[in-house]
Amino acid sequence: MRKLWIFLILLSPIMIEASFLDFSTLHKAKQAYEDNNYSEAISHYEKVADKNDQATYDLANSYYKAKKYKKAKALYERIKEPSLAFNKWHNIGNCEANLGKIDEGIKAYEKALSLKKDADTKYNLELLKKKKKETKEEKRQKKKNKQEKKKDKKKNQQQNKKDKKQNNKKESDKKKSDDKKQKKDKQKEQKKKDDKAKHKKDKNQQQKSQSKEKKRDKKIDQQKMDAAKKQKSKEKQEKQKPMKAAIKKQAMSDKEVKKYLKMLDKRGINTLMVPLKTKGAKHEETTPW
């Protein structure tokens, strides 16, 4: 027992010093909080070795002011002090609201109002309920818009499909028309070529025919000329026949005359008969009388 008292006597200065340090730190933390320097306040509060519910509550408030809502909420939930219960649930509601958890925030505010009637808490609760309604309406509207958008998308897809089908048909019709026109132009061009070839062929045939006709006409003309020449020669020969006969007859007469004269000459009989010369010979007497 005596030893225990000695130990407590020795421990008391240390506890007094520790309590003094915590008190100083809490004072600095409170001052920093009031100066809106929440990061410094948090730093001081975190240094307090033995935190009671009030210190925890003040630390949670510092985290809340620093907009670290998850950390603040976790600290508020650790508080057991009944006198801080209302503030605890009110502030948890604030944390949930800032974290976007509307249903959780409503429950926290309702828990706070069950402990104490407060205008601010009620106002915050109504705000969350209104926001929930708006959110619900927004969700409904969003869902509606999504459905309408989906419907419009489907309608647009159907319209696009229809337009595409029409465009494809137009393109197909245009292609058919172009192919038909191209085929027609090709046929026209081919006909033009065929007509040109036919014209050239006909011209060549005509030239050949004309050349053949010319050759034939030339041959006929030559034949006519040859026939005419032959006929002329024949006619000339026919004309010359009496003359030749006369000449022959004359020539025979002269021969007979010569023969006769020769006979007379052998007999020694003189005559006045003079032999006639042939055509072109001079008429001369050979014997003077």
Protein backbone atom coordinates (compact mmCIF):
# COMPACT_ATOMS: atom_id res chain seq x y z
CA MET A 1 0.00 0.00 0.00
CA ARG A 2 2.81 2.31 0.85
CA LYS A 3 4.49 1.48 -2.45
CA LEU A 4 1.27 2.34 -4.35
CA TRP A 5 1.10 5.74 -2.77
CA ILE A 6 4.71 6.36 -3.63
CA PHE A 7 3.96 5.43 -7.24
CA LEU A 8 0.93 7.75 -7.41
CA ILE A 9 2.95 10.57 -5.87
CA LEU A 10 5.63 10.07 -8.52
CA LEU A 11 3.00 9.80 -11.33
CA SER A 12 0.96 12.86 -10.39
CA PRO A 13 3.42 15.48 -11.77
CA ILE A 14 3.51 13.64 -15.12
CA MET A 15 -0.32 13.55 -15.30
CA ILE A 16 -0.55 17.19 -14.37
CA GLU A 17 2.00 18.06 -17.06
CA ALA A 18 0.12 15.96 -19.67
CA SER A 19 -3.20 17.56 -18.77
CA PHE A 20 -1.63 20.99 -19.05
CA LEU A 21 -0.22 20.15 -22.49
CA ASP A 22 -3.62 18.85 -23.71
CA PHE A 23 -5.29 21.96 -22.37
CA SER A 24 -2.79 24.15 -24.21
CA THR A 25 -3.21 22.16 -27.41
CA LEU A 26 -7.00 22.32 -27.15
CA HIS A 27 -6.76 26.04 -26.64
CA LYS A 28 -4.61 26.42 -29.76
CA ALA A 29 -6.97 24.18 -31.70
CA LYS A 30 -10.00 26.22 -30.63
CA GLN A 31 -8.22 29.45 -31.54
CA ALA A 32 -7.28 28.11 -34.98
CA TYR A 33 -10.90 26.97 -35.52
CA GLU A 34 -12.20 30.44 -34.62
CA ASP A 35 -9.65 31.93 -37.02
CA ASN A 36 -11.08 29.63 -39.73
CA ASN A 37 -7.75 27.88 -39.99
CA TYR A 38 -9.29 24.41 -39.99
CA SER A 39 -6.21 22.50 -41.13
CA GLU A 40 -4.24 23.84 -38.15
CA ALA A 41 -7.17 23.14 -35.83
CA ILE A 42 -7.27 19.53 -37.04
CA SER A 43 -3.51 19.23 -36.50
CA HIS A 44 -3.84 20.46 -32.89
CA TYR A 45 -6.90 18.32 -32.09
CA GLU A 46 -5.15 15.21 -33.46
CA LYS A 47 -2.27 15.81 -31.02
CA VAL A 48 -4.54 15.55 -27.94
CA ALA A 49 -3.72 12.24 -26.33
CA ASP A 50 -6.90 11.68 -24.32
CA LYS A 51 -9.84 12.99 -26.32
CA ASN A 52 -13.25 13.11 -24.72
CA ASP A 53 -16.48 13.33 -26.70
CA GLN A 54 -16.33 17.12 -26.72
CA ALA A 55 -12.81 17.10 -28.19
CA THR A 56 -13.90 14.48 -30.73
CA TYR A 57 -16.93 16.60 -31.60
CA ASP A 58 -14.72 19.68 -32.07
CA LEU A 59 -12.30 17.65 -34.26
CA ALA A 60 -15.25 16.38 -36.32
CA ASN A 61 -16.45 19.99 -36.75
CA SER A 62 -12.96 20.97 -37.95
CA TYR A 63 -13.00 18.18 -40.54
CA TYR A 64 -16.51 19.24 -41.61
CA LYS A 65 -15.38 22.87 -42.05
CA ALA A 66 -12.41 21.59 -44.07
CA LYS A 67 -15.01 19.81 -46.33
CA LYS A 68 -13.71 16.38 -45.39
CA TYR A 69 -17.22 15.03 -44.84
CA LYS A 70 -16.47 11.30 -44.68
CA LYS A 71 -13.88 11.79 -41.89
CA ALA A 72 -16.20 14.18 -40.04
CA LYS A 73 -19.13 11.71 -40.26
CA ALA A 74 -16.96 8.86 -38.89
CA LEU A 75 -15.97 11.03 -35.89
CA TYR A 76 -19.56 12.17 -35.20
CA GLU A 77 -20.68 8.53 -35.11
CA ARG A 78 -18.13 7.77 -32.33
CA ILE A 79 -19.69 10.31 -29.91
CA LYS A 80 -21.69 8.77 -27.05
CA GLU A 81 -22.36 11.86 -24.90
CA PRO A 82 -26.17 12.32 -24.67
CA SER A 83 -25.89 16.11 -24.47
CA LEU A 84 -24.21 16.08 -27.91
CA ALA A 85 -26.68 13.62 -29.47
CA PHE A 86 -28.84 16.24 -31.22
CA ASN A 87 -25.81 18.10 -32.61
CA LYS A 88 -24.28 14.78 -33.57
CA TRP A 89 -27.28 13.70 -35.71
CA HIS A 90 -27.84 17.16 -37.13
CA ASN A 91 -24.23 17.30 -38.30
CA ILE A 92 -24.33 13.71 -39.61
CA GLY A 93 -27.34 14.83 -41.68
CA ASN A 94 -25.24 17.73 -42.99
CA CYS A 95 -22.41 15.35 -43.90
CA GLU A 96 -24.78 12.96 -45.71
CA ALA A 97 -26.38 15.86 -47.58
CA ASN A 98 -22.97 17.12 -48.75
CA LEU A 99 -21.98 13.61 -49.78
CA GLY A 100 -25.14 13.42 -51.91
CA LYS A 101 -26.74 10.70 -49.80
CA ILE A 102 -30.22 12.21 -49.57
CA ASP A 103 -32.08 9.28 -47.98
CA GLU A 104 -29.37 8.88 -45.29
CA GLY A 105 -29.42 12.63 -44.64
CA ILE A 106 -33.23 12.62 -44.22
CA LYS A 107 -32.97 9.79 -41.68
CA ALA A 108 -30.26 11.66 -39.72
CA TYR A 109 -32.31 14.89 -39.63
CA GLU A 110 -35.42 12.99 -38.56
CA LYS A 111 -33.36 11.34 -35.76
CA ALA A 112 -32.16 14.79 -34.64
CA LEU A 113 -35.73 16.21 -34.67
CA SER A 114 -36.90 13.26 -32.59
CA LEU A 115 -34.46 14.46 -29.90
CA LYS A 116 -35.14 18.16 -30.27
CA LYS A 117 -37.40 20.43 -32.30
CA ASP A 118 -35.15 22.76 -34.26
CA ALA A 119 -36.04 25.15 -37.10
CA ASP A 120 -32.72 24.77 -38.92
CA THR A 121 -32.86 20.99 -38.77
CA LYS A 122 -36.47 21.07 -40.02
CA TYR A 123 -35.53 23.45 -42.81
CA ASN A 124 -32.65 21.20 -43.84
CA LEU A 125 -34.97 18.19 -43.73
CA GLU A 126 -37.51 19.92 -45.98
CA LEU A 127 -34.73 20.90 -48.35
CA LEU A 128 -33.57 17.29 -48.62
CA LYS A 129 -37.13 16.05 -49.11
CA LYS A 130 -37.66 18.65 -51.79
CA LYS A 131 -34.35 17.69 -53.38
CA LYS A 132 -35.34 14.04 -53.19
CA LYS A 133 -38.61 14.87 -54.93
CA GLU A 134 -36.76 16.93 -57.51
CA THR A 135 -34.19 14.20 -57.87
CA LYS A 136 -36.96 11.67 -58.26
CA GLU A 137 -38.63 13.95 -60.80
CA GLU A 138 -35.28 14.48 -62.48
CA LYS A 139 -34.74 10.76 -62.57
CA ARG A 140 -38.25 10.27 -63.93
CA GLN A 141 -37.69 13.05 -66.46
CA LYS A 142 -34.27 11.69 -67.24
CA LYS A 143 -35.77 8.24 -67.71
CA LYS A 144 -38.50 9.76 -69.87
CA ASN A 145 -35.94 11.72 -71.84
CA LYS A 146 -33.85 8.60 -72.17
CA GLN A 147 -36.89 6.66 -73.41
CA GLU A 148 -37.81 9.49 -75.77
CA LYS A 149 -34.21 9.73 -76.89
CA LYS A 150 -34.19 5.97 -77.41
CA LYS A 151 -37.48 6.26 -79.27
CA ASP A 152 -36.15 9.15 -81.35
CA LYS A 153 -32.96 7.21 -81.98
CA LYS A 154 -34.99 4.22 -83.12
CA LYS A 155 -37.15 6.51 -85.24
CA ASN A 156 -34.05 8.17 -86.67
CA GLN A 157 -32.52 4.77 -87.35
CA GLN A 158 -35.70 3.68 -89.12
CA GLN A 159 -35.76 6.97 -91.04
CA ASN A 160 -32.07 6.63 -91.84
CA LYS A 161 -32.70 3.07 -92.95
CA LYS A 162 -35.60 4.28 -95.09
CA ASP A 163 -33.53 7.15 -96.48
CA LYS A 164 -30.66 4.79 -97.13
CA LYS A 165 -33.01 2.42 -98.90
CA GLN A 166 -34.41 5.29 -100.97
CA ASN A 167 -30.92 6.57 -101.70
CA ASN A 168 -29.84 3.08 -102.68
CA LYS A 169 -32.89 2.84 -104.95
CA LYS A 170 -32.11 6.25 -106.42
CA GLU A 171 -28.51 5.24 -106.94
CA SER A 172 -29.62 1.94 -108.42
CA ASP A 173 -32.11 3.70 -110.72
CA LYS A 174 -29.47 6.25 -111.65
CA LYS A 175 -26.98 3.47 -112.33
CA LYS A 176 -29.55 1.65 -114.46
CA SER A 177 -30.32 4.90 -116.28
CA ASP A 178 -26.62 5.61 -116.75
CA ASP A 179 -26.01 2.04 -117.90
CA LYS A 180 -28.94 2.29 -120.28
CA LYS A 181 -27.73 5.63 -121.61
CA GLN A 182 -24.19 4.30 -121.85
CA LYS A 183 -25.47 1.22 -123.66
CA LYS A 184 -27.55 3.40 -125.98
CA ASP A 185 -24.59 5.71 -126.62
CA LYS A 186 -22.40 2.67 -127.21
CA GLN A 187 -24.96 1.23 -129.63
CA LYS A 188 -25.23 4.62 -131.33
CA GLU A 189 -21.46 4.86 -131.56
CA GLN A 190 -21.27 1.27 -132.84
CA LYS A 191 -24.01 2.02 -135.40
CA LYS A 192 -22.07 5.09 -136.45
CA LYS A 193 -18.94 2.96 -136.84
CA ASP A 194 -20.91 0.26 -138.68
CA ASP A 195 -22.50 2.88 -140.97
CA LYS A 196 -19.09 4.38 -141.59
CA ALA A 197 -17.63 0.93 -142.32
CA LYS A 198 -20.61 0.09 -144.53
CA HIS A 199 -20.28 3.41 -146.33
CA LYS A 200 -16.58 2.74 -146.83
CA LYS A 201 -17.33 -0.80 -147.99
CA ASP A 202 -20.08 0.43 -150.34
CA LYS A 203 -17.74 3.13 -151.61
CA ASN A 204 -15.01 0.55 -152.20
CA GLN A 205 -17.50 -1.74 -153.88
CA GLN A 206 -18.79 1.19 -155.93
CA GLN A 207 -15.23 2.11 -156.88
CA LYS A 208 -14.51 -1.52 -157.75
CA SER A 209 -17.76 -1.70 -159.69
CA GLN A 210 -16.97 1.57 -161.48
CA SER A 211 -13.45 0.37 -162.19
CA LYS A 212 -14.87 -2.92 -163.48
CA GLU A 213 -17.41 -1.05 -165.57
CA LYS A 214 -14.67 1.22 -166.90
CA LYS A 215 -12.54 -1.81 -167.77
CA ARG A 216 -15.55 -3.47 -169.35
CA ASP A 217 -16.48 -0.28 -171.22
CA LYS A 218 -12.86 0.14 -172.25
CA LYS A 219 -12.79 -3.49 -173.43
CA ILE A 220 -16.08 -3.00 -175.27
CA ASP A 221 -14.77 0.21 -176.81
CA GLN A 222 -11.56 -1.60 -177.78
CA GLN A 223 -13.61 -4.44 -179.21
CA LYS A 224 -15.74 -1.93 -181.09
CA MET A 225 -12.62 -0.17 -182.30
CA ASP A 226 -11.08 -3.48 -183.29
CA ALA A 227 -14.33 -4.51 -184.99
CA ALA A 228 -14.57 -1.15 -186.71
CA LYS A 229 -10.93 -1.36 -187.76
CA LYS A 230 -11.49 -4.92 -188.97
CA GLN A 231 -14.64 -3.86 -190.78
CA LYS A 232 -12.81 -0.92 -192.32
CA SER A 233 -9.99 -3.22 -193.31
CA LYS A 234 -12.52 -5.66 -194.74
CA GLU A 235 -14.34 -2.90 -196.57
CA LYS A 236 -11.02 -1.65 -197.91
CA GLN A 237 -10.18 -5.14 -199.00
CA GLU A 238 -13.61 -5.43 -200.63
CA LYS A 239 -13.03 -2.17 -202.41
CA GLN A 240 -9.59 -3.30 -203.53
CA LYS A 241 -10.84 -6.64 -204.93
CA PRO A 242 -12.11 -5.27 -208.31
CA MET A 243 -8.94 -3.24 -208.64
CA LYS A 244 -6.78 -6.22 -207.86
CA ALA A 245 -8.81 -8.32 -210.25
CA ALA A 246 -8.42 -5.64 -212.90
CA ILE A 247 -4.75 -5.37 -212.22
CA LYS A 248 -4.46 -9.13 -212.35
CA LYS A 249 -6.49 -9.23 -215.51
CA GLN A 250 -4.38 -6.45 -216.93
CA ALA A 251 -1.27 -8.20 -215.84
CA MET A 252 -2.46 -11.38 -217.51
CA SER A 253 -3.25 -9.46 -220.66
CA ASP A 254 0.18 -7.96 -220.77
CA LYS A 255 1.65 -11.38 -220.33
CA GLU A 256 -0.42 -12.75 -223.07
CA VAL A 257 0.54 -9.82 -225.20
CA LYS A 258 4.19 -10.36 -224.54
CA LYS A 259 3.76 -14.04 -225.25
CA TYR A 260 1.96 -13.22 -228.44
CA LEU A 261 4.56 -10.69 -229.48
CA LYS A 262 7.28 -13.12 -228.77
CA MET A 263 5.61 -15.64 -230.97
CA LEU A 264 5.24 -13.12 -233.74
CA ASP A 265 8.82 -12.11 -233.37
CA LYS A 266 9.84 -15.68 -233.86
CA ARG A 267 7.78 -15.73 -237.03
CA GLY A 268 9.40 -12.46 -238.19
CA ILE A 269 6.18 -10.49 -238.32
CA ASN A 270 6.17 -6.79 -237.33
CA THR A 271 3.12 -5.38 -235.48
CA LEU A 272 2.03 -1.99 -234.11
CA MET A 273 0.92 -3.53 -230.78
CA VAL A 274 2.71 -1.93 -227.83
CA PRO A 275 2.74 -3.73 -224.49
CA LEU A 276 1.13 -1.69 -221.64
CA LYS A 277 3.13 -1.00 -218.56
CA THR A 278 1.81 -1.76 -215.14
CA LYS A 279 0.50 1.00 -212.92
CA GLY A 280 3.12 3.60 -212.32
CA ALA A 281 5.31 2.63 -215.38
CA LYS A 282 5.96 5.10 -218.21
CA HIS A 283 4.39 4.42 -221.57
CA GLU A 284 7.36 4.21 -223.97
CA GLU A 285 7.79 2.66 -227.31
CA THR A 286 10.65 0.15 -227.56
CA THR A 287 10.76 -0.19 -231.29
CA PRO A 288 10.73 2.80 -233.64
CA TRP A 289 8.91 2.41 -236.89
